[in-house]
Every structure is written in structure tokens, then in C-alpha cells.
Amino acid sequence: MKRLIASLFVSLGLASTAMAQTEVHATGDLGVVIERATGSVLIVDQSDMDVLARVDGFGDLSHASAVFSPDERYAYIFGRDGALTKLDLVTQSIAGRVIQGGNSIGGAISDDGQLVAVSNYEPGGVRVFDADTLEMVADFPTGSKTIGLVDAPGDRFVFTLWDDGETWIADMSGDAPELTKIAEIGINPYDALITGDGRRYIVGLFGEDGLTTLDLWSDTPTAQRILPNYGRGEEPLPVYKMPHLEGWALAGDRFALPAVGRQEVLWLDAQNLTELGRTKTHGQPIFAVARPDGRHVWVNYAHPNNDTVEVIDTQSGEVIHTLNPGPAVLHMEFTARGHQVWMSVRDANRIDIYDTETFEKLGEIPADTPSGIFFTARAHRIGL
């Protein structure tokens, strides 16, 4: 018995020594940064405001996004070249990779974390993969460019067809997938979001003014138009870059929405979906992102005004602060409780970090043409 106990202590001692030699990082404090021109991804530490590793081999990341496994260990990176890549944040290495399409436009992960879905421009449609093995388990060809893919409660994926103006709901909870199709969404839907409670799916329309929403709590969701006449009768501006609707902000009891082709943020009542007002902005908004407490909305802009970020007070609708980080501010990401915001300044090859109360710049991180920034807190939020 004494010999056994001694052996256990020796084994534990060796294990402790091995752990001491390997630096361990808690995944809840981590995030990834897309380096779009080099096909690489940075793993970053929020508290240290530093880079832990650069991982190469992700292919075309010119329009890349990411989701996280529920345990925050894995990031699933969706590349523009049709690749789905599984990144292990613990070992700081690629754990799996599959070329599943020709031109991808984002993805989602099911609420149980077992399925990862990818939407495609080419060949169109959505493909669903086992999150562990990356083996394909379902294929939903649409014959159309497919956009606005989100996860919804109950192991469902919701996505919309650019060419046909339809939204499809794929229920993956049973032995076989069940598909529901909703028509008359509108002309050329270009992106969509789902609210944090999983109830409302809101679709932006490029081919006509206004938006369309579905109530996913309904047994038979139907298309409902909202803001049907915004901008009608006025001279439209050229659209330099389409807004990203996953960047729409729910701030308290109202939405802040970037207007297509207009230098405005629209305010929408979150309950009855009617317009409350508008805020004149520096340029055409791309992302209008709410600080997690909903007090402020941070907005960045399309070319040629993409060197500026404005902060809007959600109570008054007024711009209260303007920052000029540098050329091509592409993306902003708040820490989980909103005390910091990280933003990619692509053409300056760096990430800037700001205090969200004082607007003081806290630091910067070198990065090669950075774009998307994604923190692991997204693992626990619907639609992200």
C-alpha cells in the first residue's frame, strides 16, 4: 500500500511538472481575429490585450466569420472559398478542415453544439456538418444565393434566399430534418438577424425599401413587412458596402438599424416594430453595435468614411463622441460585460482597444489586415 501511495505521489508530481511546463489559458478570456489577406487567425487574450498565437492555413478569409462550441474550446471559421475550419483554442492548431462549397457567406452552430451549418453563394443552399468530425449530415440545395443563416432554439437553422425572396427553416431536432418554407419575404433579401430571445428573424431587403420579420414563436410563421416606406421618394445614395445585419443593435426597448444607402441609423420600437426616429451619421453605417448594457451604440462606416467611429446615446439618439482610429475600421467587438471594445483597423494593420466609458485608447495589437473579431462569449448567445 505504501508503495502504491508513493507511486501515486510520483505520478501526480510528474503531472504537475508537465502542467507547469505548459502555459494554460482559460478559454473564456480568449477570442480570434481574422487576418483576411494572409489566411491566418490570431488567438488573443482579452485581459492581457495580447496575441497568444497565430495559426495559418485557413484559405480565403476575405469575408470570414466564426462561431464557438458551447465549451468555448473550438472556433469554427467560415472562409469565402467554401472552407469550414475547426480551430482548437487550447492546442492552438487546426483540428479539422473541409472544403464544402465554392463561395461561402457565413455559418451557425446549433444550440446543443452538435451541428455546424454553412450557407453558400455557390452552389447555393446550406450544408450541415457534425461539429465533432466535420462529416456532412444534411444538404439543403436552394438554387439561389443563400444569406442570413442563423441558429434558432430547438436545433433549428433559419436562412433566406436572395434570388427567390423566401426564408427556410430547417428543424434538425428529429431523426430526419424537417423543412418549412415562407414565401413573399421581399425582393433581394441581403442579410438577416435573429433577436437574442430567438423570437424574431428580421430580413433586410436590397431590392425594395423596408424590411421583413418572422415570429419564430408562431406555429406557422408568416412574413410581416416593417418600415415599408423608409427612404421612398428621396434620391438614393450609391451603396458602397452593404450593412451587416448581425451588427444591428438591440438597445433596451429599441433597435438601432443601419439604413441601406443612407447616412442614417434608424430607431425601431422593439415591441411593435414601428419607427421611432433617425440619427444623422458620418457616413453609410456598416455595423451599429450596442454595448452589452444597451447604453450606447457604436457605429462604423463604409468607404470613403471608414476611418471614423461614432458613439450614439440610445436615450437621446444623439452622437456623443467621435473617434478616428485610422483607415478602414472593419469590425468592432465588445468584451462580455462591455468595459472594452476592440476594433480592427485593417489598413493600419492593427487592433485598437478602447475603454467604453472614457473612450480612452488602452492599447493596440499588431495584426496583418485584420477584419472580424470574435470573442468566446458568443458561444452562449443565440444568433452569434
Protein backbone atom coordinates (compact mmCIF):
# COMPACT_ATOMS: atom_id res chain seq x y z
CA MET A 1 0.00 0.00 0.00
CA LYS A 2 2.84 2.43 0.91
CA ARG A 3 4.49 1.64 -2.42
CA LEU A 4 1.21 2.33 -4.27
CA ILE A 5 0.75 5.65 -2.46
CA ALA A 6 4.31 6.60 -3.23
CA SER A 7 3.76 5.78 -6.89
CA LEU A 8 0.65 7.95 -6.95
CA PHE A 9 2.55 10.90 -5.48
CA VAL A 10 5.31 10.44 -8.04
CA SER A 11 2.73 10.33 -10.85
CA LEU A 12 0.96 13.41 -9.53
CA GLY A 13 4.27 15.17 -9.20
CA LEU A 14 5.19 14.38 -12.79
CA ALA A 15 1.78 15.58 -13.95
CA SER A 16 2.16 18.82 -12.00
CA THR A 17 5.61 19.35 -13.51
CA ALA A 18 4.25 18.75 -17.02
CA MET A 19 1.39 21.19 -16.43
CA ALA A 20 3.83 23.76 -15.07
CA GLN A 21 5.87 23.49 -18.26
CA THR A 22 2.79 24.09 -20.44
CA GLU A 23 1.14 27.50 -20.23
CA VAL A 24 -2.61 27.06 -19.75
CA HIS A 25 -5.16 29.69 -20.80
CA ALA A 26 -8.81 29.73 -19.78
CA THR A 27 -10.87 29.86 -22.97
CA GLY A 28 -13.48 32.23 -21.53
CA ASP A 29 -10.99 35.08 -21.87
CA LEU A 30 -9.99 34.33 -25.44
CA GLY A 31 -11.03 35.41 -28.90
CA VAL A 32 -9.98 35.16 -32.53
CA VAL A 33 -9.05 37.82 -35.06
CA ILE A 34 -9.31 37.18 -38.80
CA GLU A 35 -6.26 38.23 -40.83
CA ARG A 36 -8.03 38.41 -44.16
CA ALA A 37 -5.13 38.84 -46.60
CA THR A 38 -2.89 36.10 -45.21
CA GLY A 39 -5.38 33.33 -44.48
CA SER A 40 -4.37 33.31 -40.82
CA VAL A 41 -6.16 33.68 -37.49
CA LEU A 42 -4.87 35.26 -34.29
CA ILE A 43 -5.83 33.79 -30.91
CA VAL A 44 -5.98 36.73 -28.49
CA ASP A 45 -6.23 37.14 -24.72
CA GLN A 46 -8.64 39.89 -23.64
CA SER A 47 -7.22 40.54 -20.17
CA ASP A 48 -3.61 40.71 -21.30
CA MET A 49 -4.58 42.52 -24.52
CA ASP A 50 -2.11 40.34 -26.34
CA VAL A 51 -1.72 37.67 -29.03
CA LEU A 52 -1.24 34.09 -27.84
CA ALA A 53 -0.73 32.50 -31.25
CA ARG A 54 -1.03 32.97 -34.99
CA VAL A 55 -2.41 29.94 -36.82
CA ASP A 56 -2.04 29.67 -40.61
CA GLY A 57 -3.81 27.58 -43.23
CA PHE A 58 -7.38 28.95 -43.37
CA GLY A 59 -7.51 29.83 -47.07
CA ASP A 60 -9.54 32.79 -48.36
CA LEU A 61 -10.69 34.85 -45.37
CA SER A 62 -11.85 37.90 -47.32
CA HIS A 63 -15.36 37.60 -45.86
CA ALA A 64 -14.84 35.28 -42.91
CA SER A 65 -16.85 34.76 -39.73
CA ALA A 66 -16.71 32.43 -36.73
CA VAL A 67 -18.84 30.65 -34.14
CA PHE A 68 -17.79 28.78 -30.99
CA SER A 69 -18.53 25.43 -29.41
CA PRO A 70 -20.51 25.57 -26.13
CA ASP A 71 -17.40 24.71 -24.09
CA GLU A 72 -15.51 27.56 -25.83
CA ARG A 73 -12.72 25.24 -26.89
CA TYR A 74 -13.30 25.28 -30.64
CA ALA A 75 -13.85 28.10 -33.11
CA TYR A 76 -15.44 27.21 -36.45
CA ILE A 77 -14.14 29.54 -39.17
CA PHE A 78 -16.17 30.04 -42.35
CA GLY A 79 -13.99 31.11 -45.29
CA ARG A 80 -15.07 32.73 -48.54
CA ASP A 81 -13.50 29.85 -50.50
CA GLY A 82 -16.05 27.36 -49.16
CA ALA A 83 -13.87 26.07 -46.35
CA LEU A 84 -15.13 25.15 -42.88
CA THR A 85 -12.16 25.02 -40.49
CA LYS A 86 -12.20 23.88 -36.87
CA LEU A 87 -9.67 25.72 -34.69
CA ASP A 88 -8.66 24.31 -31.29
CA LEU A 89 -8.06 27.27 -28.97
CA VAL A 90 -6.35 25.07 -26.37
CA THR A 91 -3.75 23.41 -28.62
CA GLN A 92 -3.68 26.50 -30.88
CA SER A 93 -3.93 24.36 -34.00
CA ILE A 94 -6.36 23.35 -36.75
CA ALA A 95 -8.40 20.34 -35.60
CA GLY A 96 -10.28 19.74 -38.86
CA ARG A 97 -10.98 21.28 -42.23
CA VAL A 98 -13.33 20.60 -45.14
CA ILE A 99 -13.95 22.40 -48.44
CA GLN A 100 -17.74 22.17 -48.58
CA GLY A 101 -18.67 24.72 -51.25
CA GLY A 102 -17.37 27.24 -53.74
CA ASN A 103 -18.29 30.57 -52.17
CA SER A 104 -19.45 30.65 -48.54
CA ILE A 105 -21.15 33.52 -46.75
CA GLY A 106 -21.21 32.59 -43.07
CA GLY A 107 -22.38 29.88 -40.74
CA ALA A 108 -24.06 28.95 -37.47
CA ILE A 109 -23.90 26.34 -34.72
CA SER A 110 -26.89 24.53 -33.21
CA ASP A 111 -27.92 25.30 -29.65
CA ASP A 112 -26.70 21.88 -28.47
CA GLY A 113 -23.36 22.44 -30.19
CA GLN A 114 -23.53 19.21 -32.19
CA LEU A 115 -24.17 20.67 -35.66
CA VAL A 116 -22.48 23.38 -37.70
CA ALA A 117 -24.23 24.83 -40.77
CA VAL A 118 -22.70 26.78 -43.67
CA SER A 119 -24.54 28.96 -46.21
CA ASN A 120 -23.28 29.27 -49.76
CA TYR A 121 -23.48 31.56 -52.75
CA GLU A 122 -22.05 28.71 -54.84
CA PRO A 123 -23.56 26.20 -55.33
CA GLY A 124 -26.25 27.86 -53.18
CA GLY A 125 -28.04 26.35 -50.23
CA VAL A 126 -27.00 25.28 -46.75
CA ARG A 127 -24.95 22.27 -45.70
CA VAL A 128 -24.90 20.92 -42.15
CA PHE A 129 -21.95 19.13 -40.55
CA ASP A 130 -21.21 17.09 -37.46
CA ALA A 131 -19.37 19.52 -35.16
CA ASP A 132 -17.01 16.81 -33.95
CA THR A 133 -15.99 15.08 -37.19
CA LEU A 134 -16.98 17.70 -39.81
CA GLU A 135 -18.82 14.98 -41.74
CA MET A 136 -21.82 16.29 -43.68
CA VAL A 137 -25.16 15.20 -42.21
CA ALA A 138 -27.62 17.27 -44.27
CA ASP A 139 -27.74 19.26 -47.52
CA PHE A 140 -30.41 21.84 -48.41
CA PRO A 141 -29.89 22.94 -52.04
CA THR A 142 -31.81 26.13 -52.83
CA GLY A 143 -30.84 27.05 -56.38
CA SER A 144 -30.19 30.54 -55.03
CA LYS A 145 -27.56 32.53 -53.22
CA THR A 146 -28.28 31.88 -49.56
CA ILE A 147 -27.84 34.54 -46.88
CA GLY A 148 -28.83 35.38 -43.31
CA LEU A 149 -28.10 31.96 -41.79
CA VAL A 150 -28.69 31.90 -38.02
CA ASP A 151 -29.29 29.33 -35.31
CA ALA A 152 -32.68 29.27 -33.58
CA PRO A 153 -33.76 27.45 -30.40
CA GLY A 154 -34.73 23.81 -30.83
CA ASP A 155 -31.82 22.81 -33.10
CA ARG A 156 -33.17 24.88 -35.97
CA PHE A 157 -31.36 26.83 -38.67
CA VAL A 158 -33.03 29.75 -40.45
CA PHE A 159 -31.80 31.17 -43.77
CA THR A 160 -33.03 33.25 -46.70
CA LEU A 161 -32.78 33.08 -50.49
CA TRP A 162 -31.51 36.15 -52.35
CA ASP A 163 -32.94 35.17 -55.74
CA ASP A 164 -36.33 33.81 -54.68
CA GLY A 165 -37.25 36.01 -51.71
CA GLU A 166 -38.00 33.05 -49.42
CA THR A 167 -36.95 32.12 -45.89
CA TRP A 168 -36.44 28.45 -44.99
CA ILE A 169 -36.44 26.93 -41.50
CA ALA A 170 -34.57 23.63 -41.13
CA ASP A 171 -35.55 21.72 -37.99
CA MET A 172 -32.74 19.30 -37.10
CA SER A 173 -34.16 18.06 -33.79
CA GLY A 174 -35.72 14.83 -35.09
CA ASP A 175 -34.46 11.70 -36.78
CA ALA A 176 -34.76 13.42 -40.14
CA PRO A 177 -34.64 17.15 -40.98
CA GLU A 178 -37.94 18.98 -41.44
CA LEU A 179 -38.05 21.97 -43.77
CA THR A 180 -40.52 24.89 -43.66
CA LYS A 181 -40.56 27.50 -46.45
CA ILE A 182 -42.00 31.01 -46.06
CA ALA A 183 -42.65 32.98 -49.26
CA GLU A 184 -43.06 36.70 -50.01
CA ILE A 185 -40.11 37.86 -47.92
CA GLY A 186 -39.32 40.60 -50.44
CA ILE A 187 -37.04 41.47 -53.36
CA ASN A 188 -33.37 40.52 -52.97
CA PRO A 189 -33.01 39.97 -49.23
CA TYR A 190 -29.34 40.61 -48.49
CA ASP A 191 -28.84 39.71 -44.79
CA ALA A 192 -30.78 38.89 -41.64
CA LEU A 193 -30.56 38.66 -37.86
CA ILE A 194 -32.31 36.86 -35.04
CA THR A 195 -33.11 38.60 -31.76
CA GLY A 196 -31.39 37.41 -28.61
CA ASP A 197 -34.52 35.70 -27.33
CA GLY A 198 -34.74 33.65 -30.52
CA ARG A 199 -38.16 35.01 -31.41
CA ARG A 200 -37.83 37.48 -34.27
CA TYR A 201 -35.97 36.88 -37.52
CA ILE A 202 -35.55 40.18 -39.35
CA VAL A 203 -34.53 40.35 -43.01
CA GLY A 204 -33.06 43.37 -44.80
CA LEU A 205 -34.15 43.98 -48.41
CA PHE A 206 -31.92 45.38 -51.12
CA GLY A 207 -34.44 45.34 -53.96
CA GLU A 208 -37.04 47.47 -52.17
CA ASP A 209 -37.42 49.78 -49.21
CA GLY A 210 -38.24 48.28 -45.86
CA LEU A 211 -37.61 45.03 -44.00
CA THR A 212 -39.45 41.80 -43.28
CA THR A 213 -39.81 39.93 -40.00
CA LEU A 214 -40.95 36.46 -38.94
CA ASP A 215 -42.22 35.45 -35.50
CA LEU A 216 -40.41 32.16 -34.85
CA TRP A 217 -42.55 31.51 -31.76
CA SER A 218 -45.54 31.09 -34.06
CA ASP A 219 -46.51 27.58 -35.19
CA THR A 220 -46.91 28.98 -38.72
CA PRO A 221 -44.57 31.98 -39.19
CA THR A 222 -45.65 34.44 -41.89
CA ALA A 223 -43.85 37.38 -43.45
CA GLN A 224 -44.63 40.78 -41.95
CA ARG A 225 -43.29 43.98 -43.53
CA ILE A 226 -41.84 46.69 -41.33
CA LEU A 227 -40.61 50.20 -42.19
CA PRO A 228 -42.15 49.74 -45.67
CA ASN A 229 -41.50 53.28 -46.89
CA TYR A 230 -38.25 54.44 -45.38
CA GLY A 231 -36.33 56.47 -47.93
CA ARG A 232 -39.09 56.30 -50.54
CA GLY A 233 -39.38 59.41 -52.71
CA GLU A 234 -35.86 60.60 -51.93
CA GLU A 235 -32.81 60.40 -54.16
CA PRO A 236 -30.95 57.20 -53.15
CA LEU A 237 -27.24 57.37 -52.49
CA PRO A 238 -24.85 54.88 -54.10
CA VAL A 239 -24.35 51.86 -51.86
CA TYR A 240 -20.62 51.49 -51.16
CA LYS A 241 -20.97 48.46 -48.89
CA MET A 242 -23.98 46.55 -47.61
CA PRO A 243 -24.64 46.82 -43.86
CA HIS A 244 -24.13 43.69 -41.77
CA LEU A 245 -27.39 42.96 -40.05
CA GLU A 246 -25.87 40.78 -37.34
CA GLY A 247 -24.41 44.08 -36.22
CA TRP A 248 -27.84 45.59 -35.65
CA ALA A 249 -28.18 46.74 -32.07
CA LEU A 250 -30.93 45.93 -29.60
CA ALA A 251 -30.54 48.67 -27.02
CA GLY A 252 -33.13 48.44 -24.27
CA ASP A 253 -36.55 48.76 -25.86
CA ARG A 254 -35.39 49.77 -29.33
CA PHE A 255 -33.37 48.60 -32.32
CA ALA A 256 -30.68 50.69 -33.99
CA LEU A 257 -30.58 49.73 -37.66
CA PRO A 258 -28.10 50.85 -40.33
CA ALA A 259 -30.03 52.25 -43.30
CA VAL A 260 -29.10 50.88 -46.73
CA GLY A 261 -27.55 53.55 -48.96
CA ARG A 262 -28.28 56.32 -46.47
CA GLN A 263 -26.22 58.20 -43.90
CA GLU A 264 -28.58 57.35 -41.07
CA VAL A 265 -29.23 55.00 -38.20
CA LEU A 266 -32.92 54.11 -37.88
CA TRP A 267 -34.54 53.59 -34.48
CA LEU A 268 -37.23 50.96 -34.24
CA ASP A 269 -39.56 50.09 -31.34
CA ALA A 270 -38.57 46.54 -30.33
CA GLN A 271 -42.13 45.53 -29.46
CA ASN A 272 -44.35 46.85 -32.23
CA LEU A 273 -41.56 47.34 -34.82
CA THR A 274 -42.53 50.91 -35.73
CA GLU A 275 -40.10 53.73 -36.45
CA LEU A 276 -39.14 55.97 -33.52
CA GLY A 277 -36.68 58.29 -35.23
CA ARG A 278 -33.40 58.62 -37.10
CA THR A 279 -29.87 59.75 -36.32
CA LYS A 280 -27.81 61.53 -38.96
CA THR A 281 -24.41 59.87 -39.22
CA HIS A 282 -20.94 60.49 -40.61
CA GLY A 283 -21.40 58.04 -43.48
CA GLN A 284 -23.25 54.91 -44.56
CA PRO A 285 -23.32 52.65 -41.48
CA ILE A 286 -21.95 49.12 -41.70
CA PHE A 287 -22.19 47.93 -38.10
CA ALA A 288 -24.36 49.54 -35.42
CA VAL A 289 -23.34 47.59 -32.33
CA ALA A 290 -24.80 48.08 -28.87
CA ARG A 291 -22.64 47.99 -25.78
CA PRO A 292 -23.88 44.96 -23.81
CA ASP A 293 -25.78 47.14 -21.33
CA GLY A 294 -27.54 48.93 -24.21
CA ARG A 295 -26.48 52.42 -23.10
CA HIS A 296 -24.53 53.34 -26.22
CA VAL A 297 -24.38 52.22 -29.84
CA TRP A 298 -21.05 52.28 -31.68
CA VAL A 299 -21.21 52.76 -35.47
CA ASN A 300 -18.59 52.32 -38.19
CA TYR A 301 -18.92 53.27 -41.84
CA ALA A 302 -18.41 52.31 -45.46
CA HIS A 303 -15.76 53.78 -47.76
CA PRO A 304 -14.87 56.63 -48.09
CA ASN A 305 -15.75 57.43 -44.46
CA ASN A 306 -14.38 54.24 -42.93
CA ASP A 307 -11.72 55.90 -40.75
CA THR A 308 -14.33 57.10 -38.25
CA VAL A 309 -16.41 55.56 -35.46
CA GLU A 310 -19.30 57.41 -33.80
CA VAL A 311 -20.89 56.67 -30.43
CA ILE A 312 -24.65 57.31 -30.14
CA ASP A 313 -26.53 57.73 -26.88
CA THR A 314 -29.53 55.39 -27.04
CA GLN A 315 -31.75 57.61 -24.90
CA SER A 316 -31.36 60.83 -26.86
CA GLY A 317 -30.36 59.41 -30.24
CA GLU A 318 -27.51 61.95 -30.37
CA VAL A 319 -23.89 61.34 -31.36
CA ILE A 320 -21.92 61.93 -28.16
CA HIS A 321 -18.41 61.00 -29.22
CA THR A 322 -16.37 60.59 -32.41
CA LEU A 323 -13.19 58.55 -32.79
CA ASN A 324 -10.79 58.44 -35.74
CA PRO A 325 -8.85 55.20 -35.28
CA GLY A 326 -7.45 55.10 -38.82
CA PRO A 327 -8.11 53.77 -42.31
CA ALA A 328 -10.68 51.00 -42.84
CA VAL A 329 -12.24 50.25 -39.45
CA LEU A 330 -13.95 46.99 -40.39
CA HIS A 331 -15.29 45.39 -37.21
CA MET A 332 -15.96 46.05 -33.52
CA GLU A 333 -16.34 43.55 -30.68
CA PHE A 334 -17.23 44.27 -27.05
CA THR A 335 -15.93 42.30 -24.14
CA ALA A 336 -18.69 40.28 -22.47
CA ARG A 337 -19.62 42.97 -19.94
CA GLY A 338 -18.84 45.86 -22.23
CA HIS A 339 -15.97 47.58 -20.44
CA GLN A 340 -13.82 47.46 -23.58
CA VAL A 341 -14.35 47.50 -27.32
CA TRP A 342 -11.82 46.05 -29.75
CA MET A 343 -11.81 47.30 -33.34
CA SER A 344 -9.91 46.19 -36.42
CA VAL A 345 -8.13 48.94 -38.35
CA ARG A 346 -7.36 47.00 -41.49
CA ASP A 347 -5.21 49.39 -43.47
CA ALA A 348 -3.11 50.30 -40.42
CA ASN A 349 -2.53 46.59 -39.66
CA ARG A 350 -3.60 46.71 -36.05
CA ILE A 351 -6.33 46.16 -33.47
CA ASP A 352 -7.23 49.15 -31.28
CA ILE A 353 -8.68 48.70 -27.79
CA TYR A 354 -10.80 51.40 -26.10
CA ASP A 355 -12.37 51.97 -22.71
CA THR A 356 -16.11 52.29 -23.39
CA GLU A 357 -16.78 54.76 -20.56
CA THR A 358 -13.92 57.22 -21.04
CA PHE A 359 -13.26 56.49 -24.75
CA GLU A 360 -9.57 56.36 -23.87
CA LYS A 361 -7.40 54.18 -26.07
CA LEU A 362 -5.98 51.44 -23.86
CA GLY A 363 -3.70 49.67 -26.28
CA GLU A 364 -3.14 48.24 -29.70
CA ILE A 365 -2.15 44.87 -31.15
CA PRO A 366 -0.30 44.41 -34.45
CA ALA A 367 -2.30 42.32 -36.94
CA ASP A 368 -1.98 41.70 -40.67
CA THR A 369 -5.03 43.22 -42.44
CA PRO A 370 -7.42 42.37 -39.58
CA SER A 371 -11.16 42.16 -40.14
CA GLY A 372 -13.53 40.13 -37.96
CA ILE A 373 -13.00 39.97 -34.17
CA PHE A 374 -14.90 37.27 -32.26
CA PHE A 375 -14.79 36.59 -28.51
CA THR A 376 -15.74 33.23 -26.99
CA ALA A 377 -18.63 34.80 -25.04
CA ARG A 378 -20.54 34.44 -28.33
CA ALA A 379 -20.79 30.71 -27.57
CA HIS A 380 -23.62 31.46 -25.16
CA ARG A 381 -25.69 33.85 -27.27
CA ILE A 382 -28.39 32.97 -29.81
CA GLY A 383 -27.55 34.01 -33.36
CA LEU A 384 -23.84 34.60 -32.74
